[in-house]
Amino acid sequence: MGGGTSWDCYWRFEYRSVAASQSFKYLADVLAQCASGPVNAERSSVNHPDSFDQIIGTAFGRQLSVSLKDKGGLGQSLVFLRSMKGG
């Protein structure tokens, strides 16, 4: 809407697997090391058995987001990486 661009991708894991948590932590750590300002963490319980964790920061002139979504209904955990640049 604002003329910005975004790029995102995600990886699927078994529901609440260690690999999903480790991937999220790795990407969050990389974001924290590369950020050019504050990094904000957000944890919220959506609907049991779902959950959502997110780290947001700015690096390389883009807003970056890393999130972990546990989706009980799907039986999957999803790790998302999103890069956004405003217009």
C-alpha atoms as a PDB file:
ATOM      1  CA  MET A   1       0.000   0.000   0.000  1.00  0.00           C
ATOM      2  CA  GLY A   2       2.727   2.444   0.901  1.00  0.00           C
ATOM      3  CA  GLY A   3       4.846   1.600  -2.128  1.00  0.00           C
ATOM      4  CA  GLY A   4       7.175  -0.599  -0.110  1.00  0.00           C
ATOM      5  CA  THR A   5       8.564  -3.954  -1.044  1.00  0.00           C
ATOM      6  CA  SER A   6       8.862  -7.124   0.975  1.00  0.00           C
ATOM      7  CA  TRP A   7      10.453 -10.499   0.615  1.00  0.00           C
ATOM      8  CA  ASP A   8       9.709 -13.471   2.791  1.00  0.00           C
ATOM      9  CA  CYS A   9      10.263 -17.176   3.037  1.00  0.00           C
ATOM     10  CA  TYR A  10       9.522 -19.903   5.531  1.00  0.00           C
ATOM     11  CA  TRP A  11      10.587 -23.361   6.584  1.00  0.00           C
ATOM     12  CA  ARG A  12       8.320 -26.169   7.858  1.00  0.00           C
ATOM     13  CA  PHE A  13       9.207 -28.396  10.791  1.00  0.00           C
ATOM     14  CA  GLU A  14       7.505 -31.021  12.875  1.00  0.00           C
ATOM     15  CA  TYR A  15       5.219 -29.449  15.476  1.00  0.00           C
ATOM     16  CA  ARG A  16       7.255 -27.870  18.288  1.00  0.00           C
ATOM     17  CA  SER A  17      10.426 -29.635  17.175  1.00  0.00           C
ATOM     18  CA  VAL A  18      13.854 -28.804  18.529  1.00  0.00           C
ATOM     19  CA  ALA A  19      14.985 -28.065  14.961  1.00  0.00           C
ATOM     20  CA  ALA A  20      12.311 -25.358  14.619  1.00  0.00           C
ATOM     21  CA  SER A  21      13.359 -23.711  17.891  1.00  0.00           C
ATOM     22  CA  GLN A  22      17.049 -23.893  16.965  1.00  0.00           C
ATOM     23  CA  SER A  23      16.409 -22.366  13.523  1.00  0.00           C
ATOM     24  CA  PHE A  24      14.400 -19.521  15.035  1.00  0.00           C
ATOM     25  CA  LYS A  25      17.093 -18.864  17.649  1.00  0.00           C
ATOM     26  CA  TYR A  26      19.854 -18.900  15.016  1.00  0.00           C
ATOM     27  CA  LEU A  27      18.066 -16.395  12.752  1.00  0.00           C
ATOM     28  CA  ALA A  28      17.130 -14.195  15.739  1.00  0.00           C
ATOM     29  CA  ASP A  29      20.775 -14.164  16.887  1.00  0.00           C
ATOM     30  CA  VAL A  30      21.970 -13.204  13.379  1.00  0.00           C
ATOM     31  CA  LEU A  31      19.417 -10.377  13.284  1.00  0.00           C
ATOM     32  CA  ALA A  32      20.521  -9.130  16.708  1.00  0.00           C
ATOM     33  CA  GLN A  33      24.188  -9.118  15.608  1.00  0.00           C
ATOM     34  CA  CYS A  34      23.492  -7.274  12.347  1.00  0.00           C
ATOM     35  CA  ALA A  35      20.862  -4.806  13.569  1.00  0.00           C
ATOM     36  CA  SER A  36      21.561  -1.103  13.267  1.00  0.00           C
ATOM     37  CA  GLY A  37      19.259  -0.251  16.152  1.00  0.00           C
ATOM     38  CA  PRO A  38      17.082  -1.848  18.795  1.00  0.00           C
ATOM     39  CA  VAL A  39      15.722  -5.348  18.323  1.00  0.00           C
ATOM     40  CA  ASN A  40      12.274  -6.027  19.752  1.00  0.00           C
ATOM     41  CA  ALA A  41      11.066  -9.425  20.878  1.00  0.00           C
ATOM     42  CA  GLU A  42       7.417 -10.344  21.033  1.00  0.00           C
ATOM     43  CA  ARG A  43       5.944 -13.528  22.467  1.00  0.00           C
ATOM     44  CA  SER A  44       2.265 -14.165  22.492  1.00  0.00           C
ATOM     45  CA  SER A  45       0.071 -17.126  23.015  1.00  0.00           C
ATOM     46  CA  VAL A  46      -2.395 -17.192  20.154  1.00  0.00           C
ATOM     47  CA  ASN A  47      -4.768 -20.080  20.806  1.00  0.00           C
ATOM     48  CA  HIS A  48      -3.654 -23.187  22.602  1.00  0.00           C
ATOM     49  CA  PRO A  49      -1.974 -25.229  21.141  1.00  0.00           C
ATOM     50  CA  ASP A  50      -0.751 -22.429  18.851  1.00  0.00           C
ATOM     51  CA  SER A  51       1.989 -19.957  19.780  1.00  0.00           C
ATOM     52  CA  PHE A  52       3.878 -17.108  18.132  1.00  0.00           C
ATOM     53  CA  ASP A  53       7.344 -15.638  18.795  1.00  0.00           C
ATOM     54  CA  GLN A  54       8.790 -12.754  16.781  1.00  0.00           C
ATOM     55  CA  ILE A  55      11.975 -10.686  16.651  1.00  0.00           C
ATOM     56  CA  ILE A  56      11.941  -7.399  14.704  1.00  0.00           C
ATOM     57  CA  GLY A  57      14.882  -5.133  13.916  1.00  0.00           C
ATOM     58  CA  THR A  58      16.455  -2.983  11.228  1.00  0.00           C
ATOM     59  CA  ALA A  59      19.572  -3.944   9.280  1.00  0.00           C
ATOM     60  CA  PHE A  60      20.944  -2.984   5.884  1.00  0.00           C
ATOM     61  CA  GLY A  61      18.236  -0.330   5.505  1.00  0.00           C
ATOM     62  CA  ARG A  62      15.412  -2.855   5.802  1.00  0.00           C
ATOM     63  CA  GLN A  63      13.090  -3.929   8.575  1.00  0.00           C
ATOM     64  CA  LEU A  64      13.685  -7.613   9.276  1.00  0.00           C
ATOM     65  CA  SER A  65      11.383 -10.002  11.080  1.00  0.00           C
ATOM     66  CA  VAL A  66      12.024 -13.550  12.240  1.00  0.00           C
ATOM     67  CA  SER A  67       9.090 -15.479  13.650  1.00  0.00           C
ATOM     68  CA  LEU A  68       8.262 -18.943  14.936  1.00  0.00           C
ATOM     69  CA  LYS A  69       4.653 -20.070  14.641  1.00  0.00           C
ATOM     70  CA  ASP A  70       3.494 -23.321  16.207  1.00  0.00           C
ATOM     71  CA  LYS A  71       0.335 -24.424  14.402  1.00  0.00           C
ATOM     72  CA  GLY A  72      -1.380 -27.218  16.331  1.00  0.00           C
ATOM     73  CA  GLY A  73      -4.131 -27.700  13.743  1.00  0.00           C
ATOM     74  CA  LEU A  74      -1.540 -28.249  11.020  1.00  0.00           C
ATOM     75  CA  GLY A  75       0.792 -30.270  13.229  1.00  0.00           C
ATOM     76  CA  GLN A  76       3.652 -28.025  12.097  1.00  0.00           C
ATOM     77  CA  SER A  77       5.976 -25.331  13.325  1.00  0.00           C
ATOM     78  CA  LEU A  78       6.875 -22.639  10.808  1.00  0.00           C
ATOM     79  CA  VAL A  79       9.894 -20.322  10.886  1.00  0.00           C
ATOM     80  CA  PHE A  80       9.430 -17.149   8.826  1.00  0.00           C
ATOM     81  CA  LEU A  81      12.013 -14.623   7.626  1.00  0.00           C
ATOM     82  CA  ARG A  82      10.669 -11.348   6.228  1.00  0.00           C
ATOM     83  CA  SER A  83      12.512  -8.340   4.846  1.00  0.00           C
ATOM     84  CA  MET A  84      10.566  -5.092   4.289  1.00  0.00           C
ATOM     85  CA  LYS A  85      11.533  -1.747   2.837  1.00  0.00           C
ATOM     86  CA  GLY A  86       9.190   1.230   2.864  1.00  0.00           C
ATOM     87  CA  GLY A  87       8.334   3.294  -0.178  1.00  0.00           C
END
